[in-house]
């Protein structure tokens, strides 16, 4: 995959943003910009954050499950290292000293057992490296 000048600029901007990212929300927003630019079929599952108790109860009744990874990429991918094929990619984003909860670990393991590539991303560089590994980005773009 050839990296266009516009994509290089988007990636360099994302990498530069690492220095100023102060929250997981900001990391999610920068990730969203990059994934949309690449053109992947993906979604963010907004399980976190504060909600009024009645809203939380309603969402649970509607089927919301705790621990779903923050980023779910539905495009199939293939590892650049091992030629392993995956049905998609799930990324759990964390910031600072954020830790993976038991529910998040369970989902990551469950998805991995079903053919998904799963990853933790504490920075835009780590997100970009995951996208490279899965073949969504050209190898080496994280070194821009």
Protein backbone atom coordinates (compact mmCIF):
# COMPACT_ATOMS: atom_id res chain seq x y z
CA UNK A 1 0.00 0.00 0.00
CA UNK A 2 1.44 3.33 -1.05
CA UNK A 3 1.17 6.17 1.44
CA UNK A 4 -0.13 9.38 -0.13
CA UNK A 5 1.26 12.78 0.92
CA UNK A 6 -2.11 13.62 2.49
CA UNK A 7 -2.08 10.40 4.53
CA UNK A 8 1.51 11.08 5.62
CA UNK A 9 0.42 14.53 6.82
CA UNK A 10 -2.55 13.01 8.68
CA UNK A 11 -0.26 10.47 10.37
CA UNK A 12 2.37 13.07 11.25
CA UNK A 13 -0.38 15.25 12.74
CA UNK A 14 -1.66 12.29 14.76
CA UNK A 15 1.84 11.47 16.01
CA UNK A 16 2.43 15.12 16.93
CA UNK A 17 -0.86 15.10 18.85
CA UNK A 18 0.57 12.42 21.17
CA UNK A 19 2.45 15.19 22.99
CA UNK A 20 -0.73 17.06 23.82
CA UNK A 21 -3.22 14.24 24.43
CA UNK A 22 -4.50 14.67 27.95
CA UNK A 23 -7.37 12.18 28.10
CA UNK A 24 -8.69 8.95 26.66
CA UNK A 25 -11.41 10.99 24.94
CA UNK A 26 -8.76 12.98 23.06
CA UNK A 27 -6.97 9.76 22.07
CA UNK A 28 -10.30 8.41 20.78
CA UNK A 29 -10.93 11.61 18.78
CA UNK A 30 -7.49 11.48 17.12
CA UNK A 31 -7.97 7.77 16.38
CA UNK A 32 -11.37 8.53 14.81
CA UNK A 33 -9.87 11.17 12.51
CA UNK A 34 -7.24 8.71 11.28
CA UNK A 35 -9.62 5.75 10.83
CA UNK A 36 -12.11 7.90 8.92
CA UNK A 37 -9.33 9.24 6.70
CA UNK A 38 -8.12 5.71 5.90
CA UNK A 39 -11.70 4.75 5.02
CA UNK A 40 -12.12 1.73 7.26
CA UNK A 41 -15.51 0.37 8.34
CA UNK A 42 -15.33 0.89 12.09
CA UNK A 43 -17.19 2.15 15.13
CA UNK A 44 -16.54 3.44 18.62
CA UNK A 45 -18.60 1.81 21.34
CA UNK A 46 -19.34 4.62 23.84
CA UNK A 47 -19.71 2.52 27.00
CA UNK A 48 -17.59 4.73 29.25
CA UNK A 49 -18.28 8.06 30.81
CA UNK A 50 -20.79 9.32 33.32
CA UNK A 51 -24.49 8.65 32.76
CA UNK A 52 -27.52 9.34 34.86
CA UNK A 53 -28.57 6.16 36.66
CA UNK A 54 -31.88 5.89 34.73
CA UNK A 55 -29.98 6.16 31.42
CA UNK A 56 -27.52 3.46 32.51
CA UNK A 57 -30.38 1.14 33.51
CA UNK A 58 -32.17 1.74 30.18
CA UNK A 59 -28.98 1.04 28.20
CA UNK A 60 -28.42 -2.19 30.13
CA UNK A 61 -31.99 -3.30 29.34
CA UNK A 62 -31.29 -2.51 25.68
CA UNK A 63 -28.31 -4.88 25.70
CA UNK A 64 -25.30 -2.66 26.43
CA UNK A 65 -22.47 -4.85 27.71
CA UNK A 66 -19.55 -3.62 29.83
CA UNK A 67 -16.01 -3.94 28.52
CA UNK A 68 -16.55 -3.82 24.74
CA UNK A 69 -13.32 -2.46 23.17
CA UNK A 70 -13.33 1.24 22.29
CA UNK A 71 -12.59 0.70 18.60
CA UNK A 72 -14.05 -2.09 16.49
CA UNK A 73 -12.70 -2.28 12.91
CA UNK A 74 -14.80 -4.62 10.78
CA UNK A 75 -12.49 -4.79 7.74
CA UNK A 76 -10.59 -8.10 7.64
CA UNK A 77 -6.86 -7.82 8.06
CA UNK A 78 -3.67 -9.82 7.68
CA UNK A 79 -0.58 -9.55 9.84
CA UNK A 80 2.47 -8.17 8.04
CA UNK A 81 4.70 -10.34 10.25
CA UNK A 82 3.09 -13.79 10.35
CA UNK A 83 0.54 -13.72 7.49
CA UNK A 84 -2.07 -14.52 10.15
CA UNK A 85 -5.53 -13.49 8.93
CA UNK A 86 -8.05 -11.82 11.22
CA UNK A 87 -11.75 -11.09 10.80
CA UNK A 88 -11.26 -7.58 12.20
CA UNK A 89 -9.39 -5.55 14.77
CA UNK A 90 -10.46 -4.48 18.26
CA UNK A 91 -8.49 -1.77 20.08
CA UNK A 92 -8.96 -0.84 23.73
CA UNK A 93 -7.72 2.70 24.27
CA UNK A 94 -6.17 3.82 27.54
CA UNK A 95 -4.49 7.00 28.68
CA UNK A 96 -1.87 7.59 31.33
CA UNK A 97 -2.11 4.98 34.05
CA UNK A 98 -5.41 3.59 32.77
CA UNK A 99 -5.85 -0.10 33.43
CA UNK A 100 -7.80 -2.78 31.61
CA UNK A 101 -10.85 -3.92 33.58
CA UNK A 102 -11.79 -7.57 34.00
CA UNK A 103 -14.72 -7.08 31.58
CA UNK A 104 -12.40 -5.50 28.99
CA UNK A 105 -9.86 -8.32 29.34
CA UNK A 106 -12.65 -10.89 28.91
CA UNK A 107 -13.89 -9.22 25.70
CA UNK A 108 -10.37 -8.91 24.25
CA UNK A 109 -9.72 -12.60 24.96
CA UNK A 110 -13.13 -13.67 23.62
CA UNK A 111 -12.68 -11.69 20.39
CA UNK A 112 -9.12 -13.03 19.97
CA UNK A 113 -10.39 -16.58 20.30
CA UNK A 114 -12.83 -15.86 17.48
CA UNK A 115 -10.32 -14.58 14.97
CA UNK A 116 -10.05 -10.88 15.84
CA UNK A 117 -6.75 -9.10 16.30
CA UNK A 118 -6.88 -7.35 19.67
CA UNK A 119 -4.67 -4.58 20.96
CA UNK A 120 -4.21 -1.95 23.65
CA UNK A 121 -3.43 1.60 22.58
CA UNK A 122 -1.96 4.05 25.11
CA UNK A 123 -0.85 6.51 22.40
CA UNK A 124 -1.40 7.40 18.76
CA UNK A 125 1.93 5.75 17.95
CA UNK A 126 0.64 2.46 19.39
CA UNK A 127 -2.64 2.81 17.47
CA UNK A 128 -0.73 3.48 14.24
CA UNK A 129 1.59 0.51 14.89
CA UNK A 130 -1.49 -1.71 15.32
CA UNK A 131 -2.92 -0.43 12.04
CA UNK A 132 0.44 -1.14 10.34
CA UNK A 133 0.60 -4.65 11.83
CA UNK A 134 -2.89 -5.39 10.51
CA UNK A 135 -2.04 -4.09 7.06
CA UNK A 136 -4.42 -1.13 7.20
CA UNK A 137 -1.43 1.22 6.84
CA UNK A 138 1.85 0.86 4.99
CA UNK A 139 4.68 -0.58 7.01
CA UNK A 140 6.95 2.08 8.47
CA UNK A 141 4.53 4.98 8.57
CA UNK A 142 4.83 5.09 12.36
CA UNK A 143 8.46 6.11 11.79
CA UNK A 144 7.50 9.34 9.96
